Amino acid sequence: MRGMMGGFYKLSEWIMRLAVINVLWLLCGLPFWFVGVTFFLSSGAASDPETIQGTLVWTVIIMAVLAPFTFFPATSAMFSVARKWVTGDTDVPLFKTFFRNYKQNYKQAMLGGILYALLFAVLIIDYRVYLTNIANLQILAYLFIALLLLLVVSLHHFFSLLSHFHMTTMQLLKNALVLTIGRPIRSIVMTLGTVAVLFISSRFTFLIPFFFGSVIATFTFYNFNLIIAKMMAQAETLSGEPNDQPEEEQETKS
């Protein structure tokens, strides 16, 4: 199909793809999202600030426990589908690809999720301690905010690496941090894209069930793929001969 009708057809295809993967992502992470939505509804009905704060603390704890077993595997599967799209396989079977990668990457996603949850918990606790309990060192609380932001940005690279390369969990975490620090401009672009989707979704909440996560995953992996392509080109230039990837990144996932 060509012309305007062809354009509408392609647009409808992409809307369907993004919506299907987003719904699968939400369903596979349902316990995680259920706790968050429950807090949002209960905090709107509560009027006591202390009650809201106490509920928030327990909500964060429960979500941190659930995230490695629900949110992280579901997100890794969503990124695997986004990887197929970005690398040119746009007609990949959605359900089969999603659940196959969900199963294949579950263990690594879970282990990575546990480590990330622990790091987030430590940084949040340190932030609260320095902000409220140590009067002369409150300025250090902002250091932990910076580290939290760094950790959030590295999550983008973690899921992209998990969907693209065969690595150990520790290599994934190390390389996610290296890419975050070593490629700051592209990492900032990834984060700004996520913030933009969050902002739009907060204004048009009906988009959340259909496009929230899948758009972020596709945009993130697109930028990640640009980073990898540039690194490969630089490696070939320096070596003077074709060199696909660094030694620890030799094998990509099919």
Protein backbone atom coordinates (compact mmCIF):
# COMPACT_ATOMS: atom_id res chain seq x y z
CA MET A 1 0.00 0.00 0.00
CA ARG A 2 1.30 3.42 -0.96
CA GLY A 3 0.35 7.02 -0.44
CA MET A 4 -1.80 8.23 2.43
CA MET A 5 -3.52 4.87 2.97
CA GLY A 6 -0.15 3.16 3.15
CA GLY A 7 0.98 5.68 5.76
CA PHE A 8 -2.16 5.08 7.84
CA TYR A 9 -1.65 1.34 7.56
CA LYS A 10 1.94 1.54 8.81
CA LEU A 11 0.92 3.89 11.60
CA SER A 12 -1.84 1.53 12.72
CA GLU A 13 0.64 -1.37 12.69
CA TRP A 14 3.02 0.49 15.00
CA ILE A 15 0.20 1.55 17.29
CA MET A 16 -0.82 -2.10 17.57
CA ARG A 17 2.74 -3.30 18.22
CA LEU A 18 3.44 -0.73 20.91
CA ALA A 19 0.07 -1.30 22.58
CA VAL A 20 0.37 -5.10 22.66
CA ILE A 21 3.85 -5.08 24.19
CA ASN A 22 2.88 -2.41 26.70
CA VAL A 23 -0.13 -4.44 27.84
CA LEU A 24 2.00 -7.60 28.17
CA TRP A 25 4.55 -5.61 30.19
CA LEU A 26 1.88 -4.32 32.56
CA LEU A 27 0.26 -7.74 32.98
CA CYS A 28 3.55 -9.51 33.74
CA GLY A 29 4.42 -6.85 36.31
CA LEU A 30 0.87 -6.64 37.69
CA PRO A 31 1.70 -7.19 41.41
CA PHE A 32 4.28 -4.38 41.27
CA TRP A 33 1.88 -1.95 39.60
CA PHE A 34 -1.04 -2.98 41.83
CA VAL A 35 0.84 -1.91 44.95
CA GLY A 36 1.77 1.45 43.40
CA VAL A 37 -1.77 2.19 42.20
CA THR A 38 -3.20 1.17 45.58
CA PHE A 39 -0.96 3.69 47.33
CA PHE A 40 -1.91 6.40 44.83
CA LEU A 41 -5.60 5.85 45.49
CA SER A 42 -5.23 5.58 49.27
CA SER A 43 -3.04 8.69 49.54
CA GLY A 44 -5.64 10.68 47.68
CA ALA A 45 -8.25 9.72 50.25
CA ALA A 46 -6.02 10.29 53.31
CA SER A 47 -5.61 13.73 54.87
CA ASP A 48 -3.03 13.06 57.61
CA PRO A 49 0.55 13.72 56.33
CA GLU A 50 2.05 11.24 58.82
CA THR A 51 -0.31 8.53 57.62
CA ILE A 52 0.58 9.25 53.99
CA GLN A 53 4.31 9.17 54.78
CA GLY A 54 4.02 5.89 56.67
CA THR A 55 2.02 4.35 53.84
CA LEU A 56 4.58 5.59 51.33
CA VAL A 57 7.45 3.94 53.22
CA TRP A 58 5.70 0.57 53.29
CA THR A 59 4.64 0.92 49.66
CA VAL A 60 8.23 1.56 48.57
CA ILE A 61 9.43 -1.44 50.60
CA ILE A 62 6.83 -3.78 49.11
CA MET A 63 7.46 -2.52 45.56
CA ALA A 64 11.22 -2.96 46.06
CA VAL A 65 10.63 -6.58 47.10
CA LEU A 66 8.31 -7.27 44.17
CA ALA A 67 10.32 -5.46 41.49
CA PRO A 68 13.08 -8.10 40.94
CA PHE A 69 10.49 -10.84 40.42
CA THR A 70 7.94 -8.94 38.31
CA PHE A 71 8.99 -5.52 37.00
CA PHE A 72 12.57 -6.39 35.98
CA PRO A 73 11.82 -9.61 34.00
CA ALA A 74 8.83 -7.98 32.28
CA THR A 75 10.89 -4.92 31.35
CA SER A 76 13.76 -7.04 30.01
CA ALA A 77 11.29 -8.91 27.77
CA MET A 78 9.85 -5.61 26.53
CA PHE A 79 13.34 -4.34 25.71
CA SER A 80 14.05 -7.56 23.80
CA VAL A 81 11.09 -6.89 21.54
CA ALA A 82 12.16 -3.25 21.14
CA ARG A 83 15.63 -4.50 20.16
CA LYS A 84 14.09 -6.55 17.34
CA TRP A 85 12.23 -3.50 16.06
CA VAL A 86 15.23 -1.19 16.19
CA THR A 87 17.54 -3.70 14.47
CA GLY A 88 15.10 -4.10 11.58
CA ASP A 89 12.97 -7.15 12.46
CA THR A 90 9.70 -5.23 12.66
CA ASP A 91 7.48 -8.22 11.82
CA VAL A 92 8.69 -10.32 14.74
CA PRO A 93 5.89 -12.33 16.46
CA LEU A 94 5.05 -10.25 19.52
CA PHE A 95 3.74 -12.81 22.01
CA LYS A 96 6.32 -15.47 21.16
CA THR A 97 9.26 -13.06 21.29
CA PHE A 98 8.11 -11.42 24.51
CA PHE A 99 7.53 -14.60 26.52
CA ARG A 100 10.57 -16.41 25.09
CA ASN A 101 12.84 -13.59 26.25
CA TYR A 102 10.91 -13.27 29.50
CA LYS A 103 11.81 -16.87 30.25
CA GLN A 104 15.40 -16.70 28.95
CA ASN A 105 16.34 -13.50 30.80
CA TYR A 106 14.30 -14.07 33.96
CA LYS A 107 17.18 -15.16 36.18
CA GLN A 108 19.55 -12.38 35.18
CA ALA A 109 16.79 -9.78 35.32
CA MET A 110 15.84 -11.00 38.78
CA LEU A 111 19.44 -10.92 40.08
CA GLY A 112 20.00 -7.49 38.57
CA GLY A 113 16.73 -6.33 40.09
CA ILE A 114 17.77 -7.51 43.54
CA LEU A 115 21.06 -5.62 43.31
CA TYR A 116 19.40 -2.48 42.00
CA ALA A 117 16.71 -2.66 44.70
CA LEU A 118 19.40 -2.94 47.41
CA LEU A 119 21.34 -0.01 45.97
CA PHE A 120 18.22 2.13 45.75
CA ALA A 121 17.29 1.21 49.33
CA VAL A 122 20.74 2.10 50.67
CA LEU A 123 20.84 5.44 48.85
CA ILE A 124 17.31 6.39 49.91
CA ILE A 125 18.03 5.51 53.54
CA ASP A 126 21.28 7.49 53.49
CA TYR A 127 19.48 10.44 51.92
CA ARG A 128 16.82 10.47 54.64
CA VAL A 129 19.39 10.07 57.44
CA TYR A 130 21.60 12.91 56.25
CA LEU A 131 18.63 15.16 55.48
CA THR A 132 16.75 14.76 58.76
CA ASN A 133 19.12 13.43 61.42
CA ILE A 134 22.52 15.00 60.78
CA ALA A 135 22.17 18.76 60.98
CA ASN A 136 25.68 19.78 59.90
CA LEU A 137 25.88 17.40 56.94
CA GLN A 138 22.56 17.98 55.21
CA ILE A 139 24.40 19.12 52.09
CA LEU A 140 25.53 15.50 51.60
CA ALA A 141 21.91 14.51 51.12
CA TYR A 142 22.08 16.08 47.66
CA LEU A 143 25.02 13.83 46.83
CA PHE A 144 22.78 10.82 47.35
CA ILE A 145 20.16 12.39 45.09
CA ALA A 146 22.82 12.65 42.37
CA LEU A 147 23.76 9.00 42.92
CA LEU A 148 20.09 8.01 42.72
CA LEU A 149 19.77 9.79 39.38
CA LEU A 150 22.93 8.06 38.15
CA LEU A 151 21.43 4.71 39.17
CA VAL A 152 18.17 5.47 37.38
CA VAL A 153 20.03 6.39 34.18
CA SER A 154 22.12 3.21 34.37
CA LEU A 155 18.89 1.18 34.42
CA HIS A 156 18.29 2.22 30.81
CA HIS A 157 21.63 0.74 29.80
CA PHE A 158 21.15 -2.33 31.98
CA PHE A 159 17.96 -3.40 30.21
CA SER A 160 19.45 -2.61 26.80
CA LEU A 161 22.58 -4.64 27.52
CA LEU A 162 20.54 -7.52 28.92
CA SER A 163 18.43 -7.69 25.77
CA HIS A 164 21.40 -7.38 23.39
CA PHE A 165 24.45 -9.18 24.81
CA HIS A 166 25.31 -12.45 26.51
CA MET A 167 27.07 -11.31 29.70
CA THR A 168 27.20 -12.23 33.35
CA THR A 169 25.04 -10.21 35.73
CA MET A 170 28.05 -8.39 37.17
CA GLN A 171 29.28 -7.52 33.67
CA LEU A 172 25.85 -6.11 32.88
CA LEU A 173 25.91 -3.91 35.96
CA LYS A 174 29.50 -2.79 35.37
CA ASN A 175 28.96 -1.99 31.70
CA ALA A 176 25.69 -0.19 32.44
CA LEU A 177 27.56 2.10 34.82
CA VAL A 178 30.46 2.53 32.37
CA LEU A 179 28.12 3.52 29.55
CA THR A 180 26.24 5.92 31.83
CA ILE A 181 29.44 7.75 32.79
CA GLY A 182 31.34 7.26 29.52
CA ARG A 183 28.49 8.33 27.23
CA PRO A 184 26.89 11.18 29.19
CA ILE A 185 25.23 13.00 26.27
CA ARG A 186 23.44 9.95 24.92
CA SER A 187 22.53 8.89 28.48
CA ILE A 188 21.02 12.33 29.11
CA VAL A 189 19.05 12.04 25.85
CA MET A 190 17.69 8.67 27.02
CA THR A 191 16.66 10.14 30.36
CA LEU A 192 15.07 13.22 28.80
CA GLY A 193 13.05 10.95 26.52
CA THR A 194 11.80 9.01 29.54
CA VAL A 195 10.94 12.24 31.35
CA ALA A 196 9.06 13.48 28.28
CA VAL A 197 7.00 10.28 28.10
CA LEU A 198 6.30 10.52 31.85
CA PHE A 199 5.18 14.13 31.46
CA ILE A 200 2.89 13.38 28.51
CA SER A 201 1.46 10.32 30.27
CA SER A 202 0.70 12.39 33.37
CA ARG A 203 -1.34 14.77 31.19
CA PHE A 204 -3.01 12.07 29.08
CA THR A 205 -3.37 9.14 31.47
CA PHE A 206 -5.32 7.05 28.95
CA LEU A 207 -1.99 6.53 27.11
CA ILE A 208 -0.39 4.71 30.07
CA PRO A 209 -1.97 1.26 29.48
CA PHE A 210 -1.00 1.25 25.81
CA PHE A 211 2.19 3.21 25.12
CA PHE A 212 3.94 4.24 28.33
CA GLY A 213 6.58 1.51 28.69
CA SER A 214 6.91 0.38 25.07
CA VAL A 215 7.68 3.88 23.80
CA ILE A 216 10.35 4.36 26.48
CA ALA A 217 11.91 0.96 25.69
CA THR A 218 12.00 1.62 21.94
CA PHE A 219 13.42 5.12 22.31
CA THR A 220 15.99 3.93 24.86
CA PHE A 221 17.22 1.01 22.80
CA TYR A 222 17.39 3.18 19.68
CA ASN A 223 19.84 5.47 21.48
CA PHE A 224 21.71 2.52 22.97
CA ASN A 225 22.09 1.01 19.50
CA LEU A 226 23.62 4.28 18.29
CA ILE A 227 26.16 4.09 21.13
CA ILE A 228 27.12 0.50 20.27
CA ALA A 229 27.38 1.27 16.55
CA LYS A 230 29.66 4.23 17.28
CA MET A 231 31.84 2.16 19.62
CA MET A 232 32.18 -0.57 16.99
CA ALA A 233 33.15 1.98 14.34
CA GLN A 234 35.76 3.49 16.67
CA ALA A 235 37.15 0.04 17.46
CA GLU A 236 37.49 -0.76 13.75
CA THR A 237 39.23 2.56 13.12
CA LEU A 238 41.71 2.05 15.95
CA SER A 239 42.50 -1.55 15.07
CA GLY A 240 42.60 -0.99 11.32
CA GLU A 241 40.52 -4.09 10.68
CA PRO A 242 36.93 -5.26 11.39
CA ASN A 243 36.32 -5.92 15.06
CA ASP A 244 32.72 -6.54 15.97
CA GLN A 245 32.71 -5.82 19.71
CA PRO A 246 34.96 -5.68 22.77
CA GLU A 247 35.97 -9.08 24.08
CA GLU A 248 33.38 -9.21 26.85
CA GLU A 249 30.63 -8.11 24.43
CA GLN A 250 31.42 -10.52 21.57
CA GLU A 251 28.17 -12.50 21.45
CA THR A 252 24.91 -10.72 20.76
CA LYS A 253 21.56 -12.32 21.36
CA SER A 254 19.62 -13.55 18.37
